[in-house]
Amino acid sequence: MCACVVLVVGMVAAVNLAVPLLAASPLHPSAPALVWIVDTYVIVFACLVIPGGAAGDRFGRKGVLLGGLVLFAVGALLSAVAPGVAVLLAGRALTGVGAAAVLPNSLAVLLHAVPAGRRPATIATWASMTGIGGVAGNAGGGLLLAGGSWRWLFAAAVPAALAAAVLVARTAPVSARHDRPLGPVAALLLVGASVALLVGIVQGPESGWGSTLVVTGFAGAAVLFAAWVVVELRSEHPLLDPRLFRIAGLRSACLGMTAIFFGMFALFYVNASFLQYAKGFGVLATGLGIVPLTVPIVLGGRHVGRLSRRIGVDGTVALAFAFVGAGLLGLSTSDATTPYAGYAAWLVVTGIGVTLALPTLSGVIAGALPAAQAGVATGLQATTREFGSALGVAVVSTVSTAWFTAALPPEGRGAHTVAEALARTPRASDVVAAFVSGTDAGLRVAGVAVLVLGGLVAGESWWSRRRR
């Protein structure tokens, strides 16, 4: 089950390494297209993961998990052979559908397989795999992309997914089924609302924030999100009952998980390009360059529960946000002359925050719902993670691109990617300097956003305790 988690989460992170190769490839994707190549998988994953959990509850968790792994392999194969951006996006979407079936059912299978006394440790281990998966995606993706083609990344995912399916078929137990509705209308509304929101964010710098496309995107997102709430409130068996968010602990934990992954995947998106363009790292060294982030996750994950019992859940979460926000702000001070050791130290600071946050917030969300809703509970965890990841990529790309284009030399104006700018001007050092300034601006925005959202989470928790 942990291998399945690393596979589907690792794909979220690994594709960020391919961004420079994709930008310089014969596909010639625009800056918004690059974001969609990353985010199509993530947003489909995020929006369908709760229906994926519900499908597992209804049709059998092992069977849905196996079907998800097969869909993941088919989508990865389609992405690997894509002749153009449109087919690549279709492959990424299909891979996201498969991932949405895999992630929630992996934890549901585990919770069914272990005795009640081992469930907290099992949840902590599973949650840690989501963080390790991100780093494994960077390291493994760097190794694959060292061959010089972005297609290798998707091609390698095919046998990995099929091997995982064989292991699941041989080892996973069969669990009881629950007669739960799937809510396809609610799922489609959620997907449509999320895509509309990202259209507004991603297209803003290129089309203009007052353009018809961007305004329609934001307005459409508001309408579709409202429609989703209405449909779920009127449903006799809602897929995700909006009334659940009346539970203060659940609401703040979901916001906290979204914020942590917002910051982490904003970092993953800019880290790959920063190390390649600004530091001159090869793609393999770039993939390994993120490894310091995982050191606290590997060494400290098992100690988080003890710390949480000593200082409380609220104290642990507040400390997590402080470390992640400070780490991102520290990374935003890096430039081409910054020694890698200094960069790595800020990665470790960020990793400490992620280590504190993942098992703590996962435990709060899992504990807020009854065991019969295990699929929906884990789906809610995954939705907040992946939605935060998609928003992090979209926001940091938007900020970085706007800052980058404004800082380009005159002959490079109008370019939205480094590859495009380098083709327009011979002043490579000025292009790299503009890119670094954009990256730093994006990380500053992400760091401030994490700290502000962390303050909201801590403030709501304090207020709910005071009311009680």
Protein backbone atom coordinates (compact mmCIF):
# COMPACT_ATOMS: atom_id res chain seq x y z
CA MET A 1 0.00 0.00 0.00
CA CYS A 2 2.86 2.37 0.77
CA ALA A 3 4.39 1.63 -2.63
CA CYS A 4 1.08 2.61 -4.27
CA VAL A 5 1.09 5.91 -2.37
CA VAL A 6 4.68 6.70 -3.34
CA LEU A 7 3.85 5.95 -7.00
CA VAL A 8 0.81 8.22 -7.35
CA VAL A 9 2.18 11.06 -5.19
CA GLY A 10 5.64 10.77 -6.72
CA MET A 11 4.13 11.45 -10.15
CA VAL A 12 2.86 14.80 -8.87
CA ALA A 13 6.38 15.86 -7.98
CA ALA A 14 8.38 14.14 -10.73
CA VAL A 15 6.74 15.98 -13.62
CA ASN A 16 8.07 19.29 -12.27
CA LEU A 17 11.57 18.14 -13.18
CA ALA A 18 10.46 17.69 -16.78
CA VAL A 19 9.29 21.31 -17.16
CA PRO A 20 12.58 22.61 -18.66
CA LEU A 21 12.75 19.63 -21.05
CA LEU A 22 9.13 20.08 -22.06
CA ALA A 23 9.62 23.82 -22.61
CA ALA A 24 12.51 23.13 -25.01
CA SER A 25 10.83 20.14 -26.72
CA PRO A 26 9.24 20.10 -30.21
CA LEU A 27 5.83 20.39 -28.48
CA HIS A 28 6.66 24.06 -27.72
CA PRO A 29 4.13 24.44 -24.87
CA SER A 30 3.33 27.94 -23.64
CA ALA A 31 3.82 28.90 -19.98
CA PRO A 32 0.12 28.24 -19.17
CA ALA A 33 0.31 24.92 -21.06
CA LEU A 34 3.27 23.88 -18.89
CA VAL A 35 1.20 24.57 -15.77
CA TRP A 36 -1.71 22.55 -17.17
CA ILE A 37 0.62 19.63 -17.94
CA VAL A 38 1.50 19.60 -14.26
CA ASP A 39 -1.91 20.48 -12.85
CA THR A 40 -4.29 18.43 -15.03
CA TYR A 41 -3.19 15.27 -13.24
CA VAL A 42 -3.33 16.95 -9.84
CA ILE A 43 -6.74 18.58 -10.18
CA VAL A 44 -8.44 15.43 -11.57
CA PHE A 45 -6.75 13.47 -8.80
CA ALA A 46 -7.98 15.94 -6.16
CA CYS A 47 -11.57 16.18 -7.33
CA LEU A 48 -12.19 12.47 -7.96
CA VAL A 49 -10.41 11.06 -4.94
CA ILE A 50 -13.54 11.21 -2.75
CA PRO A 51 -15.66 9.44 -5.41
CA GLY A 52 -12.75 6.99 -5.64
CA GLY A 53 -13.02 6.29 -1.92
CA ALA A 54 -16.80 5.97 -2.15
CA ALA A 55 -16.44 3.59 -5.10
CA GLY A 56 -14.12 1.44 -3.01
CA ASP A 57 -16.62 1.39 -0.17
CA ARG A 58 -19.38 0.32 -2.57
CA PHE A 59 -17.69 -2.01 -5.07
CA GLY A 60 -14.80 -3.32 -2.99
CA ARG A 61 -11.62 -1.49 -2.07
CA LYS A 62 -9.21 -4.05 -3.50
CA GLY A 63 -10.98 -4.19 -6.88
CA VAL A 64 -11.17 -0.41 -7.24
CA LEU A 65 -7.52 -0.12 -6.21
CA LEU A 66 -6.51 -2.63 -8.90
CA GLY A 67 -8.62 -0.83 -11.51
CA GLY A 68 -7.01 2.46 -10.55
CA LEU A 69 -3.50 1.06 -11.02
CA VAL A 70 -4.42 -0.21 -14.51
CA LEU A 71 -5.91 3.19 -15.47
CA PHE A 72 -2.78 4.88 -14.11
CA ALA A 73 -0.63 2.68 -16.36
CA VAL A 74 -2.78 3.35 -19.45
CA GLY A 75 -2.73 7.12 -18.84
CA ALA A 76 1.04 7.10 -18.34
CA LEU A 77 1.50 5.17 -21.60
CA LEU A 78 -0.69 7.66 -23.49
CA SER A 79 1.36 10.54 -22.03
CA ALA A 80 4.63 8.87 -23.03
CA VAL A 81 3.66 8.54 -26.71
CA ALA A 82 1.71 11.84 -26.99
CA PRO A 83 2.37 13.60 -30.32
CA GLY A 84 1.08 16.95 -29.04
CA VAL A 85 0.02 18.90 -25.97
CA ALA A 86 -3.68 17.96 -26.27
CA VAL A 87 -2.98 14.21 -26.18
CA LEU A 88 -0.49 14.71 -23.35
CA LEU A 89 -3.15 16.52 -21.31
CA ALA A 90 -5.63 13.70 -22.01
CA GLY A 91 -3.10 11.16 -20.79
CA ARG A 92 -2.42 13.21 -17.68
CA ALA A 93 -6.16 13.40 -16.94
CA LEU A 94 -6.58 9.63 -17.31
CA THR A 95 -3.60 9.04 -15.03
CA GLY A 96 -5.26 11.34 -12.48
CA VAL A 97 -8.45 9.25 -12.60
CA GLY A 98 -6.39 6.17 -11.81
CA ALA A 99 -4.57 7.90 -8.97
CA ALA A 100 -7.89 9.01 -7.48
CA ALA A 101 -8.94 5.37 -7.26
CA VAL A 102 -5.61 4.27 -5.78
CA LEU A 103 -4.86 6.71 -2.98
CA PRO A 104 -7.96 6.57 -0.72
CA ASN A 105 -8.37 2.82 -1.08
CA SER A 106 -4.75 2.17 -0.14
CA LEU A 107 -5.38 3.53 3.35
CA ALA A 108 -8.84 1.97 3.55
CA VAL A 109 -7.29 -1.45 2.84
CA LEU A 110 -4.68 -0.85 5.54
CA LEU A 111 -7.23 0.20 8.14
CA HIS A 112 -9.21 -2.95 7.38
CA ALA A 113 -6.14 -5.18 7.58
CA VAL A 114 -4.61 -4.05 10.89
CA PRO A 115 -6.03 -4.35 14.42
CA ALA A 116 -7.53 -1.26 16.04
CA GLY A 117 -4.55 -0.74 18.32
CA ARG A 118 -2.18 -0.37 15.37
CA ARG A 119 -4.30 2.06 13.40
CA PRO A 120 -2.71 5.30 14.69
CA ALA A 121 0.78 4.06 13.76
CA THR A 122 -0.53 2.84 10.41
CA ILE A 123 -2.09 6.23 9.63
CA ALA A 124 1.18 7.95 10.56
CA THR A 125 3.19 5.64 8.30
CA TRP A 126 0.78 6.07 5.40
CA ALA A 127 0.77 9.86 5.84
CA SER A 128 4.57 9.95 5.86
CA MET A 129 4.57 8.12 2.52
CA THR A 130 2.88 11.12 0.91
CA GLY A 131 5.83 13.29 1.89
CA ILE A 132 8.39 10.66 0.94
CA GLY A 133 6.54 10.13 -2.34
CA GLY A 134 7.13 13.75 -3.28
CA VAL A 135 10.85 13.46 -2.66
CA ALA A 136 11.07 10.02 -4.29
CA GLY A 137 9.36 11.51 -7.35
CA ASN A 138 12.04 14.17 -7.57
CA ALA A 139 14.95 11.76 -7.10
CA GLY A 140 13.55 9.00 -9.31
CA GLY A 141 12.33 11.47 -11.90
CA GLY A 142 15.79 13.01 -12.09
CA LEU A 143 17.32 9.61 -12.73
CA LEU A 144 14.86 8.85 -15.53
CA LEU A 145 15.06 12.28 -17.15
CA ALA A 146 18.86 12.13 -17.21
CA GLY A 147 18.34 10.17 -20.43
CA GLY A 148 17.37 13.47 -22.07
CA SER A 149 13.69 12.90 -22.86
CA TRP A 150 10.64 13.75 -20.80
CA ARG A 151 8.89 10.71 -22.31
CA TRP A 152 11.02 8.36 -20.20
CA LEU A 153 9.32 9.64 -17.07
CA PHE A 154 5.86 8.53 -18.18
CA ALA A 155 7.07 5.33 -19.83
CA ALA A 156 8.71 4.15 -16.61
CA ALA A 157 5.46 4.65 -14.68
CA VAL A 158 3.75 1.94 -16.77
CA PRO A 159 5.69 -1.12 -15.51
CA ALA A 160 5.80 0.38 -11.99
CA ALA A 161 2.00 0.61 -11.86
CA LEU A 162 1.54 -2.88 -13.30
CA ALA A 163 4.03 -4.34 -10.81
CA ALA A 164 2.13 -2.65 -7.98
CA ALA A 165 -1.11 -4.16 -9.33
CA VAL A 166 0.43 -7.65 -9.19
CA LEU A 167 1.51 -7.10 -5.58
CA VAL A 168 -1.92 -5.80 -4.61
CA ALA A 169 -3.64 -8.76 -6.26
CA ARG A 170 -1.46 -11.18 -4.31
CA THR A 171 -1.35 -9.55 -0.86
CA ALA A 172 -4.28 -7.17 -0.25
CA PRO A 173 -7.25 -8.55 1.72
CA VAL A 174 -10.83 -8.24 0.52
CA SER A 175 -12.93 -5.91 2.69
CA ALA A 176 -16.67 -5.61 3.24
CA ARG A 177 -18.71 -3.45 0.87
CA HIS A 178 -21.03 -0.60 1.83
CA ASP A 179 -23.99 0.52 -0.26
CA ARG A 180 -22.80 4.10 -0.81
CA PRO A 181 -23.90 6.41 -3.66
CA LEU A 182 -21.18 7.68 -5.97
CA GLY A 183 -22.58 11.17 -6.66
CA PRO A 184 -21.39 11.68 -10.25
CA VAL A 185 -23.13 15.07 -10.58
CA ALA A 186 -21.42 16.40 -7.47
CA ALA A 187 -18.08 15.07 -8.68
CA LEU A 188 -18.43 16.73 -12.09
CA LEU A 189 -19.43 20.04 -10.49
CA LEU A 190 -16.36 19.90 -8.24
CA VAL A 191 -14.05 19.12 -11.17
CA GLY A 192 -15.59 21.94 -13.24
CA ALA A 193 -15.31 24.45 -10.40
CA SER A 194 -11.69 23.58 -9.71
CA VAL A 195 -10.69 23.76 -13.38
CA ALA A 196 -12.46 27.13 -13.75
CA LEU A 197 -10.60 28.46 -10.71
CA LEU A 198 -7.24 27.35 -12.11
CA VAL A 199 -8.08 28.85 -15.51
CA GLY A 200 -8.50 32.22 -13.82
CA ILE A 201 -5.24 31.89 -11.86
CA VAL A 202 -3.07 30.41 -14.62
CA GLN A 203 -4.25 32.56 -17.53
CA GLY A 204 -4.15 35.85 -15.62
CA PRO A 205 -0.57 36.90 -16.50
CA GLU A 206 -0.90 36.04 -20.20
CA SER A 207 -4.51 37.04 -20.96
CA GLY A 208 -4.81 39.90 -18.46
CA TRP A 209 -6.62 39.83 -15.12
CA GLY A 210 -9.55 41.75 -16.56
CA SER A 211 -9.86 39.62 -19.71
CA THR A 212 -13.07 37.79 -20.52
CA LEU A 213 -11.40 34.40 -20.10
CA VAL A 214 -10.04 35.12 -16.62
CA VAL A 215 -13.17 36.84 -15.31
CA THR A 216 -15.32 34.02 -16.69
CA GLY A 217 -13.05 31.49 -15.02
CA PHE A 218 -13.38 33.05 -11.57
CA ALA A 219 -17.13 33.66 -11.97
CA GLY A 220 -17.67 30.14 -13.25
CA ALA A 221 -15.73 28.73 -10.30
CA ALA A 222 -17.94 30.63 -7.84
CA VAL A 223 -21.14 29.47 -9.54
CA LEU A 224 -20.05 25.83 -9.83
CA PHE A 225 -18.78 25.66 -6.25
CA ALA A 226 -22.12 27.08 -5.08
CA ALA A 227 -23.99 24.55 -7.23
CA TRP A 228 -21.89 21.75 -5.77
CA VAL A 229 -22.80 22.81 -2.23
CA VAL A 230 -26.52 22.96 -3.12
CA VAL A 231 -26.47 19.52 -4.76
CA GLU A 232 -24.67 17.95 -1.80
CA LEU A 233 -26.97 19.59 0.77
CA ARG A 234 -30.05 18.32 -1.06
CA SER A 235 -28.70 14.82 -1.56
CA GLU A 236 -30.02 12.12 0.77
CA HIS A 237 -26.55 10.53 0.74
CA PRO A 238 -24.05 13.28 -0.13
CA LEU A 239 -20.63 12.29 -1.40
CA LEU A 240 -19.02 14.92 0.81
CA ASP A 241 -21.53 16.55 3.13
CA PRO A 242 -20.63 20.27 3.41
CA ARG A 243 -22.14 20.18 6.90
CA LEU A 244 -19.11 18.14 8.01
CA PHE A 245 -17.13 21.37 7.93
CA ARG A 246 -19.14 22.58 10.90
CA ILE A 247 -16.78 20.39 12.92
CA ALA A 248 -14.11 22.92 13.86
CA GLY A 249 -11.29 20.38 14.16
CA LEU A 250 -12.06 18.81 10.80
CA ARG A 251 -12.42 22.18 9.09
CA SER A 252 -9.15 23.57 10.43
CA ALA A 253 -7.26 20.32 9.72
CA CYS A 254 -8.43 20.34 6.09
CA LEU A 255 -7.38 23.97 5.70
CA GLY A 256 -4.06 23.14 7.34
CA MET A 257 -3.42 20.19 5.01
CA THR A 258 -4.27 22.32 1.97
CA ALA A 259 -1.86 25.03 3.12
CA ILE A 260 1.04 22.64 3.82
CA PHE A 261 0.78 21.03 0.40
CA PHE A 262 0.30 24.44 -1.20
CA GLY A 263 3.72 25.42 0.11
CA MET A 264 5.42 22.08 -0.54
CA PHE A 265 4.38 21.75 -4.18
CA ALA A 266 4.95 25.42 -4.89
CA LEU A 267 8.52 24.63 -3.84
CA PHE A 268 8.67 21.48 -5.98
CA TYR A 269 7.50 23.40 -9.06
CA VAL A 270 10.15 26.14 -8.88
CA ASN A 271 12.94 24.05 -7.33
CA ALA A 272 13.53 21.97 -10.45
CA SER A 273 13.90 24.93 -12.76
CA PHE A 274 15.88 26.97 -10.20
CA LEU A 275 18.54 24.30 -9.72
CA GLN A 276 18.86 23.70 -13.47
CA TYR A 277 18.82 27.29 -14.72
CA ALA A 278 20.35 29.21 -11.80
CA LYS A 279 22.73 26.65 -10.29
CA GLY A 280 23.59 24.78 -13.49
CA PHE A 281 22.65 21.38 -12.08
CA GLY A 282 21.97 18.49 -14.42
CA VAL A 283 18.55 16.88 -14.26
CA LEU A 284 19.78 13.99 -12.06
CA ALA A 285 21.52 16.34 -9.62
CA THR A 286 18.36 18.46 -9.60
CA GLY A 287 16.25 15.47 -8.62
CA LEU A 288 18.66 14.60 -5.83
CA GLY A 289 18.91 18.25 -4.79
CA ILE A 290 15.55 18.09 -3.02
CA VAL A 291 16.59 15.09 -0.87
CA PRO A 292 17.49 17.19 2.23
CA LEU A 293 13.77 17.89 2.55
CA THR A 294 13.17 14.21 3.28
CA VAL A 295 15.77 13.83 6.03
CA PRO A 296 13.42 15.05 8.81
CA ILE A 297 10.58 12.94 7.37
CA VAL A 298 12.67 9.76 7.50
CA LEU A 299 14.34 10.41 10.85
CA GLY A 300 11.66 12.31 12.74
CA GLY A 301 8.31 10.91 11.60
CA ARG A 302 8.11 8.30 14.36
CA HIS A 303 8.70 10.93 17.05
CA VAL A 304 5.87 13.27 16.05
CA GLY A 305 3.26 11.43 18.11
CA ARG A 306 5.36 11.76 21.26
CA LEU A 307 5.84 15.49 20.66
CA SER A 308 2.13 15.95 19.97
CA ARG A 309 1.23 14.30 23.27
CA ARG A 310 3.65 16.58 25.09
CA ILE A 311 2.76 19.98 23.58
CA GLY A 312 -0.67 19.17 22.18
CA VAL A 313 -2.02 18.91 18.65
CA ASP A 314 -2.47 22.68 18.35
CA GLY A 315 1.10 23.36 19.40
CA THR A 316 2.44 20.76 16.97
CA VAL A 317 0.45 22.20 14.06
CA ALA A 318 1.50 25.78 14.89
CA LEU A 319 5.13 24.68 15.00
CA ALA A 320 4.70 22.92 11.64
CA PHE A 321 3.43 26.07 9.96
CA ALA A 322 6.22 28.15 11.48
CA PHE A 323 8.87 25.82 10.07
CA VAL A 324 7.31 25.49 6.59
CA GLY A 325 6.71 29.24 6.26
CA ALA A 326 10.18 30.12 7.52
CA GLY A 327 11.76 27.54 5.21
CA LEU A 328 10.02 28.93 2.13
CA LEU A 329 10.95 32.50 3.04
CA GLY A 330 14.55 31.41 3.60
CA LEU A 331 14.63 29.68 0.21
CA SER A 332 13.32 32.86 -1.39
CA THR A 333 16.60 34.59 -0.51
CA SER A 334 18.60 32.19 -2.72
CA ASP A 335 20.20 33.22 -5.98
CA ALA A 336 22.81 31.90 -8.40
CA THR A 337 25.63 32.68 -5.94
CA THR A 338 24.04 30.99 -2.92
CA PRO A 339 26.02 27.88 -1.85
CA TYR A 340 23.97 24.72 -2.16
CA ALA A 341 24.64 23.96 1.53
CA GLY A 342 22.71 27.10 2.49
CA TYR A 343 19.88 26.16 0.14
CA ALA A 344 19.81 22.63 1.57
CA ALA A 345 19.62 23.97 5.14
CA TRP A 346 16.38 25.80 4.32
CA LEU A 347 15.06 22.61 2.71
CA VAL A 348 15.66 20.81 6.01
CA VAL A 349 13.78 23.57 7.89
CA THR A 350 10.84 23.13 5.49
CA GLY A 351 11.04 19.36 5.88
CA ILE A 352 10.77 19.62 9.67
CA GLY A 353 7.49 21.47 9.26
CA VAL A 354 6.15 18.92 6.77
CA THR A 355 7.17 16.10 9.13
CA LEU A 356 5.23 17.67 12.00
CA ALA A 357 2.17 18.45 9.90
CA LEU A 358 1.42 15.29 7.90
CA PRO A 359 0.73 12.66 10.58
CA THR A 360 -0.83 15.19 12.96
CA LEU A 361 -3.34 16.63 10.50
CA SER A 362 -4.05 13.21 8.96
CA GLY A 363 -4.89 11.85 12.39
CA VAL A 364 -7.30 14.70 13.10
CA ILE A 365 -9.15 14.22 9.80
CA ALA A 366 -9.28 10.43 10.11
CA GLY A 367 -10.51 10.64 13.70
CA ALA A 368 -13.33 13.06 12.90
CA LEU A 369 -15.40 10.51 10.93
CA PRO A 370 -16.62 7.00 11.85
CA ALA A 371 -14.83 3.88 10.63
CA ALA A 372 -17.68 3.08 8.20
CA GLN A 373 -16.72 6.21 6.26
CA ALA A 374 -13.03 5.31 6.02
CA GLY A 375 -13.01 5.67 2.24
CA VAL A 376 -14.59 9.12 2.35
CA ALA A 377 -12.37 10.22 5.25
CA THR A 378 -9.18 9.25 3.46
CA GLY A 379 -10.57 10.75 0.26
CA LEU A 380 -11.06 14.03 2.09
CA GLN A 381 -7.44 13.94 3.23
CA ALA A 382 -6.25 13.29 -0.29
CA THR A 383 -8.50 15.99 -1.76
CA THR A 384 -7.08 18.64 0.53
CA ARG A 385 -3.53 17.49 -0.27
CA GLU A 386 -3.93 17.45 -4.03
CA PHE A 387 -6.06 20.59 -4.20
CA GLY A 388 -3.40 22.40 -2.18
CA SER A 389 -0.75 21.01 -4.54
CA ALA A 390 -2.63 22.23 -7.62
CA LEU A 391 -3.16 25.68 -6.14
CA GLY A 392 0.48 25.89 -5.06
CA VAL A 393 1.71 25.12 -8.59
CA ALA A 394 -0.79 27.53 -10.17
CA VAL A 395 -0.12 30.43 -7.79
CA VAL A 396 3.68 30.16 -7.71
CA SER A 397 3.77 29.82 -11.50
CA THR A 398 1.52 32.84 -11.93
CA VAL A 399 3.58 35.03 -9.60
CA SER A 400 6.92 33.80 -10.94
CA THR A 401 5.91 34.24 -14.58
CA ALA A 402 4.60 37.77 -14.03
CA TRP A 403 7.77 38.80 -12.18
CA PHE A 404 10.02 37.05 -14.72
CA THR A 405 8.46 38.70 -17.77
CA ALA A 406 8.64 42.14 -16.13
CA ALA A 407 12.36 41.69 -15.32
CA LEU A 408 13.44 40.52 -18.81
CA PRO A 409 15.69 42.74 -20.96
CA PRO A 410 13.82 44.65 -23.71
CA GLU A 411 14.58 42.21 -26.50
CA GLY A 412 13.27 39.34 -24.40
CA ARG A 413 9.95 40.96 -23.52
CA GLY A 414 6.90 38.93 -24.43
CA ALA A 415 8.52 35.60 -23.56
CA HIS A 416 6.85 33.57 -20.80
CA THR A 417 9.39 30.75 -20.40
CA VAL A 418 13.16 30.70 -20.01
CA ALA A 419 13.55 28.64 -23.19
CA GLU A 420 11.51 31.18 -25.15
CA ALA A 421 13.45 34.12 -23.70
CA LEU A 422 16.83 32.53 -24.46
CA ALA A 423 15.73 32.08 -28.08
CA ARG A 424 14.99 35.82 -28.33
CA THR A 425 18.08 37.31 -26.69
CA PRO A 426 21.75 36.33 -26.35
CA ARG A 427 21.89 37.89 -22.85
CA ALA A 428 21.57 34.56 -21.03
CA SER A 429 22.77 35.96 -17.69
CA ASP A 430 20.02 38.60 -17.73
CA VAL A 431 17.40 35.95 -18.53
CA VAL A 432 18.61 33.77 -15.64
CA ALA A 433 18.63 36.77 -13.30
CA ALA A 434 15.05 37.56 -14.30
CA PHE A 435 14.08 33.95 -13.73
CA VAL A 436 15.68 33.90 -10.27
CA SER A 437 13.86 37.10 -9.28
CA GLY A 438 10.58 35.51 -10.38
CA THR A 439 11.31 32.32 -8.44
CA ASP A 440 12.16 34.26 -5.30
CA ALA A 441 8.95 36.29 -5.59
CA GLY A 442 6.90 33.11 -5.98
CA LEU A 443 8.47 31.49 -2.92
CA ARG A 444 7.94 34.66 -0.85
CA VAL A 445 4.25 34.65 -1.73
CA ALA A 446 4.01 30.95 -0.89
CA GLY A 447 5.80 31.43 2.44
CA VAL A 448 3.60 34.33 3.48
CA ALA A 449 0.47 32.43 2.42
CA VAL A 450 1.48 29.41 4.53
CA LEU A 451 2.10 31.61 7.58
CA VAL A 452 -1.19 33.47 7.16
CA LEU A 453 -3.19 30.27 6.68
CA GLY A 454 -1.37 28.72 9.61
CA GLY A 455 -2.41 31.69 11.72
CA LEU A 456 -6.03 31.15 10.67
CA VAL A 457 -5.86 27.46 11.58
CA ALA A 458 -4.33 28.19 14.98
CA GLY A 459 -6.73 31.07 15.61
CA GLU A 460 -9.80 29.00 14.80
CA SER A 461 -8.58 26.20 17.04
CA TRP A 462 -8.04 28.63 19.93
CA TRP A 463 -11.46 30.22 19.39
CA SER A 464 -13.25 26.85 19.29
CA ARG A 465 -11.57 25.82 22.57
CA ARG A 466 -12.59 29.11 24.16
CA ARG A 467 -16.23 28.64 23.08
CA ARG A 468 -16.26 25.12 24.51
